[in-house]
Amino acid sequence: MYLKMIFPALPEHMEMERLKLEVAELIEERGWLIGSGSEPDGGFIEVELEEDYNDPKFGIIAMKRYFQQERFAKETVMELAGIPIGLYE
């Protein structure tokens, strides 16, 4: 399952390299990091969550919890299969 996190900016304490490393570690047994990018108006992280051996909902919950704990902006969106969901919804 494809999941994309779209954020308006990184939290002040965060750098993109740290975010990529921590997300890769977080989903290590549930999927893999497939892309990332940053632009003046925000950035994104893309992951592919394993569906054959693991229930992808555990990876989704882990990603959502991580982004909330790191205090990403309320405008951050989780996109699942093309459907946007607010991070704090």
C-alpha atoms as a PDB file:
ATOM      1  CA  MET A   1       0.000   0.000   0.000  1.00  0.00           C
ATOM      2  CA  TYR A   2       1.326   3.396  -1.032  1.00  0.00           C
ATOM      3  CA  LEU A   3       1.395   6.100   1.656  1.00  0.00           C
ATOM      4  CA  LYS A   4       2.572   9.680   1.220  1.00  0.00           C
ATOM      5  CA  MET A   5       3.072  12.205   4.002  1.00  0.00           C
ATOM      6  CA  ILE A   6       2.870  15.796   2.754  1.00  0.00           C
ATOM      7  CA  PHE A   7       3.989  18.528   5.141  1.00  0.00           C
ATOM      8  CA  PRO A   8       4.200  22.333   4.835  1.00  0.00           C
ATOM      9  CA  ALA A   9       7.560  22.449   6.658  1.00  0.00           C
ATOM     10  CA  LEU A  10       9.797  20.331   8.832  1.00  0.00           C
ATOM     11  CA  PRO A  11       9.623  21.004  12.567  1.00  0.00           C
ATOM     12  CA  GLU A  12      12.410  23.319  13.764  1.00  0.00           C
ATOM     13  CA  HIS A  13      14.341  20.457  15.390  1.00  0.00           C
ATOM     14  CA  MET A  14      14.202  18.230  12.270  1.00  0.00           C
ATOM     15  CA  GLU A  15      16.318  17.881   9.134  1.00  0.00           C
ATOM     16  CA  MET A  16      15.227  15.924   6.055  1.00  0.00           C
ATOM     17  CA  GLU A  17      18.045  13.377   6.372  1.00  0.00           C
ATOM     18  CA  ARG A  18      17.046  12.617   9.961  1.00  0.00           C
ATOM     19  CA  LEU A  19      13.392  12.267   8.932  1.00  0.00           C
ATOM     20  CA  LYS A  20      14.251   9.803   6.150  1.00  0.00           C
ATOM     21  CA  LEU A  21      16.466   7.729   8.443  1.00  0.00           C
ATOM     22  CA  GLU A  22      13.892   7.583  11.241  1.00  0.00           C
ATOM     23  CA  VAL A  23      11.007   6.738   8.885  1.00  0.00           C
ATOM     24  CA  ALA A  24      13.081   3.975   7.266  1.00  0.00           C
ATOM     25  CA  GLU A  25      13.848   2.530  10.719  1.00  0.00           C
ATOM     26  CA  LEU A  26      10.220   2.883  11.818  1.00  0.00           C
ATOM     27  CA  ILE A  27       8.828   0.864   8.925  1.00  0.00           C
ATOM     28  CA  GLU A  28      11.803  -1.473   8.504  1.00  0.00           C
ATOM     29  CA  GLU A  29       9.763  -4.677   8.835  1.00  0.00           C
ATOM     30  CA  ARG A  30       6.538  -3.210   7.470  1.00  0.00           C
ATOM     31  CA  GLY A  31       7.695  -1.631   4.209  1.00  0.00           C
ATOM     32  CA  TRP A  32      10.278   0.665   2.716  1.00  0.00           C
ATOM     33  CA  LEU A  33      10.963   4.303   1.931  1.00  0.00           C
ATOM     34  CA  ILE A  34      10.508   4.928  -1.798  1.00  0.00           C
ATOM     35  CA  GLY A  35      10.847   8.687  -2.112  1.00  0.00           C
ATOM     36  CA  SER A  36      11.205  12.065  -0.474  1.00  0.00           C
ATOM     37  CA  GLY A  37      11.597  15.671  -1.414  1.00  0.00           C
ATOM     38  CA  SER A  38      11.555  19.204  -0.138  1.00  0.00           C
ATOM     39  CA  GLU A  39      10.487  22.435  -1.745  1.00  0.00           C
ATOM     40  CA  PRO A  40      10.088  26.002  -0.488  1.00  0.00           C
ATOM     41  CA  ASP A  41       6.408  25.337   0.262  1.00  0.00           C
ATOM     42  CA  GLY A  42       6.941  21.996   2.051  1.00  0.00           C
ATOM     43  CA  GLY A  43       8.000  18.452   1.502  1.00  0.00           C
ATOM     44  CA  PHE A  44       6.949  14.832   1.351  1.00  0.00           C
ATOM     45  CA  ILE A  45       7.906  11.299   2.284  1.00  0.00           C
ATOM     46  CA  GLU A  46       6.657   8.307   0.286  1.00  0.00           C
ATOM     47  CA  VAL A  47       6.596   4.758   1.620  1.00  0.00           C
ATOM     48  CA  GLU A  48       5.345   1.411   0.384  1.00  0.00           C
ATOM     49  CA  LEU A  49       3.786  -0.675   3.144  1.00  0.00           C
ATOM     50  CA  GLU A  50       3.921  -4.451   2.892  1.00  0.00           C
ATOM     51  CA  GLU A  51       0.508  -6.019   2.418  1.00  0.00           C
ATOM     52  CA  ASP A  52       1.359  -9.678   1.844  1.00  0.00           C
ATOM     53  CA  TYR A  53       2.857 -10.508   5.228  1.00  0.00           C
ATOM     54  CA  ASN A  54       1.819  -7.628   7.466  1.00  0.00           C
ATOM     55  CA  ASP A  55      -1.405  -5.746   7.938  1.00  0.00           C
ATOM     56  CA  PRO A  56      -0.572  -2.272   6.541  1.00  0.00           C
ATOM     57  CA  LYS A  57      -2.695  -0.585   9.209  1.00  0.00           C
ATOM     58  CA  PHE A  58       0.148  -1.071  11.707  1.00  0.00           C
ATOM     59  CA  GLY A  59       2.519   0.857   9.427  1.00  0.00           C
ATOM     60  CA  ILE A  60      -0.102   3.562   8.899  1.00  0.00           C
ATOM     61  CA  ILE A  61      -0.629   3.948  12.646  1.00  0.00           C
ATOM     62  CA  ALA A  62       3.133   4.007  13.282  1.00  0.00           C
ATOM     63  CA  MET A  63       3.669   6.734  10.662  1.00  0.00           C
ATOM     64  CA  LYS A  64       0.797   8.847  11.965  1.00  0.00           C
ATOM     65  CA  ARG A  65       1.998   8.528  15.557  1.00  0.00           C
ATOM     66  CA  TYR A  66       5.591   9.409  14.623  1.00  0.00           C
ATOM     67  CA  PHE A  67       4.576  12.572  12.742  1.00  0.00           C
ATOM     68  CA  GLN A  68       2.313  13.623  15.622  1.00  0.00           C
ATOM     69  CA  GLN A  69       5.014  13.019  18.247  1.00  0.00           C
ATOM     70  CA  GLU A  70       7.505  15.035  16.222  1.00  0.00           C
ATOM     71  CA  ARG A  71       4.939  17.861  16.170  1.00  0.00           C
ATOM     72  CA  PHE A  72       4.516  18.297  12.448  1.00  0.00           C
ATOM     73  CA  ALA A  73       2.161  21.126  11.490  1.00  0.00           C
ATOM     74  CA  LYS A  74      -1.594  20.566  11.615  1.00  0.00           C
ATOM     75  CA  GLU A  75      -1.676  21.079   7.823  1.00  0.00           C
ATOM     76  CA  THR A  76       0.298  17.852   7.342  1.00  0.00           C
ATOM     77  CA  VAL A  77      -1.630  15.334   5.266  1.00  0.00           C
ATOM     78  CA  MET A  78      -1.395  11.562   5.016  1.00  0.00           C
ATOM     79  CA  GLU A  79      -2.366  10.393   1.549  1.00  0.00           C
ATOM     80  CA  LEU A  80      -3.526   6.772   1.306  1.00  0.00           C
ATOM     81  CA  ALA A  81      -4.306   5.437  -2.156  1.00  0.00           C
ATOM     82  CA  GLY A  82      -4.829   9.021  -3.323  1.00  0.00           C
ATOM     83  CA  ILE A  83      -7.189   9.946  -0.485  1.00  0.00           C
ATOM     84  CA  PRO A  84      -5.928  12.783   1.775  1.00  0.00           C
ATOM     85  CA  ILE A  85      -6.411  12.454   5.531  1.00  0.00           C
ATOM     86  CA  GLY A  86      -5.395  15.149   8.002  1.00  0.00           C
ATOM     87  CA  LEU A  87      -2.619  14.128  10.383  1.00  0.00           C
ATOM     88  CA  TYR A  88      -4.618  15.083  13.464  1.00  0.00           C
ATOM     89  CA  GLU A  89      -8.012  13.742  12.329  1.00  0.00           C
END
